[in-house]
């Protein structure tokens, strides 16, 4: 399901990013999308968005009313388009993809690292330097501990996933044994 929402959100996020960059409004768009993402991620609002019996126009108006003056006219137009196309549920993913584009545009690549064990500062710095060499840009790491990996690392940078975890290797082995 996560892949589906990304597929839906990507064209909107790319168009929003291009428009924001073209008009020199990256910060305003970023702030507005973060606010709209928080609104759409609220469990009560999410339930309303997921309910097919709630009119899309009503949802659009509620979201824009909550956003108020913090939502510039062009961002409000995006919300109207999303409501018209029944895509309001994609707002959080659009905001996330927008931020990824913004970070990449600034020459910084955001990388999520999941590790079976806690990583100390020296290990994080060494990994960030290695990834910066690989990607050819500055890297901003977010490190999460995930004991379910059993051992090793899982690295996510946008659409790229490097799974060097024991769990990932076991899954590959199980898949290979099925054929």
Protein backbone atom coordinates (compact mmCIF):
# COMPACT_ATOMS: atom_id res chain seq x y z
CA UNK A 1 0.00 0.00 0.00
CA UNK A 2 2.83 2.43 0.81
CA UNK A 3 4.18 2.04 -2.72
CA UNK A 4 0.75 2.81 -4.17
CA UNK A 5 0.43 6.08 -2.28
CA UNK A 6 3.93 7.07 -3.34
CA UNK A 7 3.03 6.39 -6.97
CA UNK A 8 -0.07 8.57 -6.59
CA UNK A 9 1.72 11.34 -4.69
CA UNK A 10 4.91 11.61 -6.77
CA UNK A 11 3.51 13.59 -9.77
CA UNK A 12 1.77 16.06 -7.43
CA UNK A 13 4.91 16.46 -5.31
CA UNK A 14 7.12 16.96 -8.38
CA UNK A 15 4.75 19.54 -9.86
CA UNK A 16 4.47 21.35 -6.52
CA UNK A 17 8.24 21.38 -6.11
CA UNK A 18 8.83 22.71 -9.64
CA UNK A 19 6.22 25.44 -9.13
CA UNK A 20 7.61 26.40 -5.72
CA UNK A 21 11.15 26.55 -7.10
CA UNK A 22 10.05 28.50 -10.19
CA UNK A 23 8.31 31.13 -8.04
CA UNK A 24 10.99 31.23 -5.32
CA UNK A 25 8.49 30.01 -2.73
CA UNK A 26 10.14 26.78 -1.53
CA UNK A 27 9.97 27.73 2.14
CA UNK A 28 6.31 28.85 1.97
CA UNK A 29 5.29 25.65 0.17
CA UNK A 30 7.32 23.55 2.59
CA UNK A 31 5.66 25.10 5.63
CA UNK A 32 2.17 24.90 4.11
CA UNK A 33 2.60 21.26 3.07
CA UNK A 34 3.94 20.37 6.52
CA UNK A 35 0.84 21.95 8.08
CA UNK A 36 -1.51 20.22 5.62
CA UNK A 37 0.29 16.92 6.24
CA UNK A 38 -0.28 17.29 9.98
CA UNK A 39 -3.96 18.05 9.35
CA UNK A 40 -4.45 15.10 6.98
CA UNK A 41 -2.48 12.78 9.29
CA UNK A 42 -4.76 13.54 12.23
CA UNK A 43 -6.65 10.29 12.96
CA UNK A 44 -10.05 12.02 12.99
CA UNK A 45 -9.39 13.84 9.72
CA UNK A 46 -7.90 10.69 8.21
CA UNK A 47 -11.10 8.81 9.04
CA UNK A 48 -13.14 11.55 7.33
CA UNK A 49 -10.88 11.50 4.25
CA UNK A 50 -11.17 7.70 4.03
CA UNK A 51 -14.97 7.82 4.37
CA UNK A 52 -16.49 7.73 0.87
CA UNK A 53 -19.75 9.20 2.21
CA UNK A 54 -18.14 12.51 3.20
CA UNK A 55 -18.31 14.94 0.27
CA UNK A 56 -14.86 15.85 -1.06
CA UNK A 57 -15.83 19.53 -1.22
CA UNK A 58 -16.60 19.48 2.50
CA UNK A 59 -13.24 17.87 3.25
CA UNK A 60 -11.45 20.40 1.05
CA UNK A 61 -13.16 23.30 2.81
CA UNK A 62 -12.37 21.86 6.27
CA UNK A 63 -8.69 21.37 5.41
CA UNK A 64 -8.37 24.86 3.92
CA UNK A 65 -10.21 26.41 6.86
CA UNK A 66 -7.87 24.71 9.33
CA UNK A 67 -4.85 25.85 7.28
CA UNK A 68 -6.17 29.40 7.08
CA UNK A 69 -3.71 32.13 6.11
CA UNK A 70 -0.77 29.70 6.45
CA UNK A 71 -1.82 28.14 3.13
CA UNK A 72 -0.85 30.31 0.15
CA UNK A 73 -3.24 30.52 -2.81
CA UNK A 74 -1.28 28.14 -5.02
CA UNK A 75 -1.07 25.52 -2.27
CA UNK A 76 -4.83 25.91 -1.75
CA UNK A 77 -5.24 25.24 -5.47
CA UNK A 78 -3.30 21.99 -5.01
CA UNK A 79 -5.69 21.02 -2.19
CA UNK A 80 -8.66 21.78 -4.47
CA UNK A 81 -7.14 19.59 -7.20
CA UNK A 82 -6.47 16.77 -4.75
CA UNK A 83 -10.06 16.96 -3.48
CA UNK A 84 -11.40 16.94 -7.03
CA UNK A 85 -9.35 13.81 -7.82
CA UNK A 86 -10.13 12.10 -4.47
CA UNK A 87 -6.45 12.25 -3.47
CA UNK A 88 -6.57 14.17 -0.18
CA UNK A 89 -5.20 11.11 1.60
CA UNK A 90 -1.95 11.55 -0.34
CA UNK A 91 -1.13 14.92 1.28
CA UNK A 92 1.33 13.51 3.86
CA UNK A 93 3.23 11.58 1.18
CA UNK A 94 3.22 14.62 -1.13
CA UNK A 95 4.72 16.68 1.69
CA UNK A 96 7.35 14.01 2.34
CA UNK A 97 8.33 13.73 -1.35
CA UNK A 98 8.37 17.54 -1.65
CA UNK A 99 10.84 17.74 1.25
CA UNK A 100 12.99 15.00 -0.30
CA UNK A 101 13.12 16.98 -3.57
CA UNK A 102 13.93 20.16 -1.68
CA UNK A 103 16.74 18.49 0.25
CA UNK A 104 18.16 16.89 -2.92
CA UNK A 105 17.97 20.24 -4.71
CA UNK A 106 20.05 21.78 -1.96
CA UNK A 107 22.73 19.14 -2.56
CA UNK A 108 21.86 17.18 0.57
CA UNK A 109 20.48 13.67 0.39
CA UNK A 110 18.36 12.41 3.28
CA UNK A 111 19.18 8.81 4.16
CA UNK A 112 17.32 6.60 6.63
CA UNK A 113 19.53 3.96 8.23
CA UNK A 114 17.95 1.16 10.22
CA UNK A 115 20.41 -0.84 12.27
CA UNK A 116 19.98 -3.96 14.37
CA UNK A 117 22.18 -2.33 17.01
CA UNK A 118 22.74 1.23 18.19
CA UNK A 119 25.39 3.09 16.19
CA UNK A 120 27.82 5.42 17.95
CA UNK A 121 28.73 8.85 16.57
CA UNK A 122 31.97 7.62 14.96
CA UNK A 123 30.16 4.81 13.12
CA UNK A 124 27.47 7.23 11.92
CA UNK A 125 30.10 9.70 10.70
CA UNK A 126 32.00 6.95 8.85
CA UNK A 127 28.78 5.69 7.21
CA UNK A 128 27.73 9.24 6.25
CA UNK A 129 31.13 9.83 4.61
CA UNK A 130 30.93 6.54 2.67
CA UNK A 131 27.39 7.33 1.50
CA UNK A 132 28.38 10.89 0.55
CA UNK A 133 31.12 9.45 -1.68
CA UNK A 134 28.66 6.99 -3.23
CA UNK A 135 25.94 9.58 -3.89
CA UNK A 136 28.26 12.46 -4.73
CA UNK A 137 26.41 14.81 -2.38
CA UNK A 138 26.19 15.72 1.28
CA UNK A 139 24.25 13.16 3.31
CA UNK A 140 21.92 13.76 6.23
CA UNK A 141 21.47 10.56 8.25
CA UNK A 142 18.52 9.52 10.35
CA UNK A 143 19.44 6.42 12.31
CA UNK A 144 16.86 4.08 13.84
CA UNK A 145 17.50 0.97 15.89
CA UNK A 146 15.49 -2.04 14.69
CA UNK A 147 16.31 -5.33 16.47
CA UNK A 148 14.03 -7.21 14.02
CA UNK A 149 16.81 -6.86 11.41
CA UNK A 150 18.73 -9.42 13.53
CA UNK A 151 22.05 -7.97 12.34
CA UNK A 152 23.40 -5.55 9.74
CA UNK A 153 21.87 -2.44 8.20
CA UNK A 154 19.06 -1.32 5.94
CA UNK A 155 19.73 1.95 4.11
CA UNK A 156 17.02 3.95 2.32
CA UNK A 157 17.75 6.98 0.19
CA UNK A 158 14.67 7.93 -1.80
CA UNK A 159 13.80 4.97 -4.03
CA UNK A 160 17.15 3.26 -3.40
CA UNK A 161 17.17 0.53 -0.75
CA UNK A 162 20.34 -1.24 0.33
CA UNK A 163 19.37 -4.17 2.54
CA UNK A 164 22.43 -5.66 4.18
CA UNK A 165 20.52 -7.04 7.15
CA UNK A 166 20.43 -10.66 8.26
CA UNK A 167 16.62 -10.57 7.92
CA UNK A 168 16.98 -9.34 4.32
CA UNK A 169 19.50 -12.04 3.48
CA UNK A 170 17.25 -14.72 5.00
CA UNK A 171 14.34 -13.44 2.91
CA UNK A 172 16.51 -13.58 -0.24
CA UNK A 173 17.57 -17.13 0.62
CA UNK A 174 13.96 -18.20 1.23
CA UNK A 175 12.94 -16.67 -2.10
CA UNK A 176 15.80 -18.40 -3.92
CA UNK A 177 14.86 -21.76 -2.37
CA UNK A 178 11.30 -21.47 -3.70
CA UNK A 179 12.53 -21.83 -7.30
